[in-house]
């Protein structure tokens, strides 16, 4: 996520693949998205602090015909050449 040699297109493709609908739904143990449809994911910001990587994303969901955005901050660590989701929180 911090590779400056990748062009914008490659970085955007990698970010989108990192946060797919399947991952967004499977990481939530409380079934927060139960009964809701995930419409879109928009990456807002990516940053790094030592070994932690942070990604802020806006998840747009549809419930009962109404569309609402929710912003989340995901924390990743790099492990064995890949990224592992360490946690997430809703940003208000």
C-alpha atoms as a PDB file:
ATOM      1  CA  UNK A   1       0.000   0.000   0.000  1.00  0.00           C
ATOM      2  CA  UNK A   2       2.972   2.305   0.431  1.00  0.00           C
ATOM      3  CA  UNK A   3       4.861   1.385  -2.749  1.00  0.00           C
ATOM      4  CA  UNK A   4       5.598   4.706  -4.455  1.00  0.00           C
ATOM      5  CA  UNK A   5       6.778   2.944  -7.634  1.00  0.00           C
ATOM      6  CA  UNK A   6       3.266   1.769  -8.493  1.00  0.00           C
ATOM      7  CA  UNK A   7       1.250   4.108 -10.643  1.00  0.00           C
ATOM      8  CA  UNK A   8      -2.124   5.410  -9.469  1.00  0.00           C
ATOM      9  CA  UNK A   9      -4.046   2.803 -11.475  1.00  0.00           C
ATOM     10  CA  UNK A  10      -2.097  -0.080  -9.901  1.00  0.00           C
ATOM     11  CA  UNK A  11      -2.506   1.365  -6.398  1.00  0.00           C
ATOM     12  CA  UNK A  12      -6.242   1.872  -6.875  1.00  0.00           C
ATOM     13  CA  UNK A  13      -6.676  -1.683  -8.178  1.00  0.00           C
ATOM     14  CA  UNK A  14      -4.749  -3.079  -5.197  1.00  0.00           C
ATOM     15  CA  UNK A  15      -6.792  -1.019  -2.691  1.00  0.00           C
ATOM     16  CA  UNK A  16     -10.092  -2.134  -4.172  1.00  0.00           C
ATOM     17  CA  UNK A  17      -9.056  -5.782  -4.151  1.00  0.00           C
ATOM     18  CA  UNK A  18      -7.886  -5.433  -0.543  1.00  0.00           C
ATOM     19  CA  UNK A  19     -11.356  -4.446   0.624  1.00  0.00           C
ATOM     20  CA  UNK A  20     -13.874  -6.540  -1.243  1.00  0.00           C
ATOM     21  CA  UNK A  21     -17.507  -7.065  -0.317  1.00  0.00           C
ATOM     22  CA  UNK A  22     -16.722 -10.558   0.940  1.00  0.00           C
ATOM     23  CA  UNK A  23     -14.041  -9.263   3.297  1.00  0.00           C
ATOM     24  CA  UNK A  24     -16.216  -6.422   4.532  1.00  0.00           C
ATOM     25  CA  UNK A  25     -19.038  -8.825   5.378  1.00  0.00           C
ATOM     26  CA  UNK A  26     -16.938 -11.652   6.801  1.00  0.00           C
ATOM     27  CA  UNK A  27     -14.908  -9.490   9.183  1.00  0.00           C
ATOM     28  CA  UNK A  28     -17.977  -8.421  11.144  1.00  0.00           C
ATOM     29  CA  UNK A  29     -18.740 -10.894  13.931  1.00  0.00           C
ATOM     30  CA  UNK A  30     -21.936  -9.083  14.956  1.00  0.00           C
ATOM     31  CA  UNK A  31     -23.603  -9.363  11.537  1.00  0.00           C
ATOM     32  CA  UNK A  32     -23.787  -5.574  11.329  1.00  0.00           C
ATOM     33  CA  UNK A  33     -24.613  -5.788   7.634  1.00  0.00           C
ATOM     34  CA  UNK A  34     -27.374  -8.346   8.147  1.00  0.00           C
ATOM     35  CA  UNK A  35     -30.332  -7.438   5.930  1.00  0.00           C
ATOM     36  CA  UNK A  36     -28.359  -4.699   4.161  1.00  0.00           C
ATOM     37  CA  UNK A  37     -26.894  -4.623   0.661  1.00  0.00           C
ATOM     38  CA  UNK A  38     -23.402  -3.234   0.125  1.00  0.00           C
ATOM     39  CA  UNK A  39     -23.712  -0.849  -2.829  1.00  0.00           C
ATOM     40  CA  UNK A  40     -20.202   0.600  -3.115  1.00  0.00           C
ATOM     41  CA  UNK A  41     -16.846   0.976  -1.389  1.00  0.00           C
ATOM     42  CA  UNK A  42     -14.868   4.200  -1.761  1.00  0.00           C
ATOM     43  CA  UNK A  43     -11.307   4.405  -0.425  1.00  0.00           C
ATOM     44  CA  UNK A  44     -10.864   7.773   1.294  1.00  0.00           C
ATOM     45  CA  UNK A  45      -7.320   7.619   2.685  1.00  0.00           C
ATOM     46  CA  UNK A  46      -4.426   5.240   3.266  1.00  0.00           C
ATOM     47  CA  UNK A  47      -1.632   5.943   5.733  1.00  0.00           C
ATOM     48  CA  UNK A  48       1.142   4.130   7.568  1.00  0.00           C
ATOM     49  CA  UNK A  49       2.652   4.370  11.027  1.00  0.00           C
ATOM     50  CA  UNK A  50       5.658   2.084  11.455  1.00  0.00           C
ATOM     51  CA  UNK A  51       4.314  -1.452  10.954  1.00  0.00           C
ATOM     52  CA  UNK A  52       0.608  -0.520  10.993  1.00  0.00           C
ATOM     53  CA  UNK A  53      -1.322   0.465   7.865  1.00  0.00           C
ATOM     54  CA  UNK A  54      -4.577   2.411   8.095  1.00  0.00           C
ATOM     55  CA  UNK A  55      -7.248   2.628   5.450  1.00  0.00           C
ATOM     56  CA  UNK A  56     -10.308   4.831   5.736  1.00  0.00           C
ATOM     57  CA  UNK A  57     -13.166   3.724   3.504  1.00  0.00           C
ATOM     58  CA  UNK A  58     -16.742   4.790   2.964  1.00  0.00           C
ATOM     59  CA  UNK A  59     -19.117   1.842   2.631  1.00  0.00           C
ATOM     60  CA  UNK A  60     -22.419   2.735   1.018  1.00  0.00           C
ATOM     61  CA  UNK A  61     -25.207   0.388   2.020  1.00  0.00           C
ATOM     62  CA  UNK A  62     -28.841   0.037   1.024  1.00  0.00           C
ATOM     63  CA  UNK A  63     -31.485  -0.857   3.608  1.00  0.00           C
ATOM     64  CA  UNK A  64     -35.212  -0.833   2.907  1.00  0.00           C
ATOM     65  CA  UNK A  65     -34.678   1.138  -0.309  1.00  0.00           C
ATOM     66  CA  UNK A  66     -32.596   3.856   1.428  1.00  0.00           C
ATOM     67  CA  UNK A  67     -28.914   4.365   0.692  1.00  0.00           C
ATOM     68  CA  UNK A  68     -26.621   5.480   3.523  1.00  0.00           C
ATOM     69  CA  UNK A  69     -22.843   5.940   3.768  1.00  0.00           C
ATOM     70  CA  UNK A  70     -20.817   4.685   6.729  1.00  0.00           C
ATOM     71  CA  UNK A  71     -17.140   5.513   7.166  1.00  0.00           C
ATOM     72  CA  UNK A  72     -14.795   2.926   8.662  1.00  0.00           C
ATOM     73  CA  UNK A  73     -11.103   2.954   9.563  1.00  0.00           C
ATOM     74  CA  UNK A  74      -9.390  -0.405   9.012  1.00  0.00           C
ATOM     75  CA  UNK A  75      -6.063  -1.323  10.601  1.00  0.00           C
ATOM     76  CA  UNK A  76      -3.760  -3.795   8.849  1.00  0.00           C
ATOM     77  CA  UNK A  77      -0.411  -5.333   9.705  1.00  0.00           C
ATOM     78  CA  UNK A  78       1.993  -6.774   7.175  1.00  0.00           C
ATOM     79  CA  UNK A  79       2.557 -10.457   7.792  1.00  0.00           C
ATOM     80  CA  UNK A  80       4.486 -12.964   5.685  1.00  0.00           C
ATOM     81  CA  UNK A  81       4.440 -10.713   2.633  1.00  0.00           C
ATOM     82  CA  UNK A  82       0.708 -10.006   2.803  1.00  0.00           C
ATOM     83  CA  UNK A  83      -1.667  -7.864   4.812  1.00  0.00           C
ATOM     84  CA  UNK A  84      -3.740  -9.054   7.746  1.00  0.00           C
ATOM     85  CA  UNK A  85      -6.768  -7.194   9.071  1.00  0.00           C
ATOM     86  CA  UNK A  86      -6.011  -6.251  12.667  1.00  0.00           C
ATOM     87  CA  UNK A  87      -9.207  -4.347  13.443  1.00  0.00           C
ATOM     88  CA  UNK A  88     -11.705  -1.731  12.348  1.00  0.00           C
ATOM     89  CA  UNK A  89     -13.862   1.007  13.792  1.00  0.00           C
ATOM     90  CA  UNK A  90     -16.682   3.196  12.546  1.00  0.00           C
ATOM     91  CA  UNK A  91     -15.669   6.830  12.150  1.00  0.00           C
ATOM     92  CA  UNK A  92     -18.344   9.403  12.881  1.00  0.00           C
END
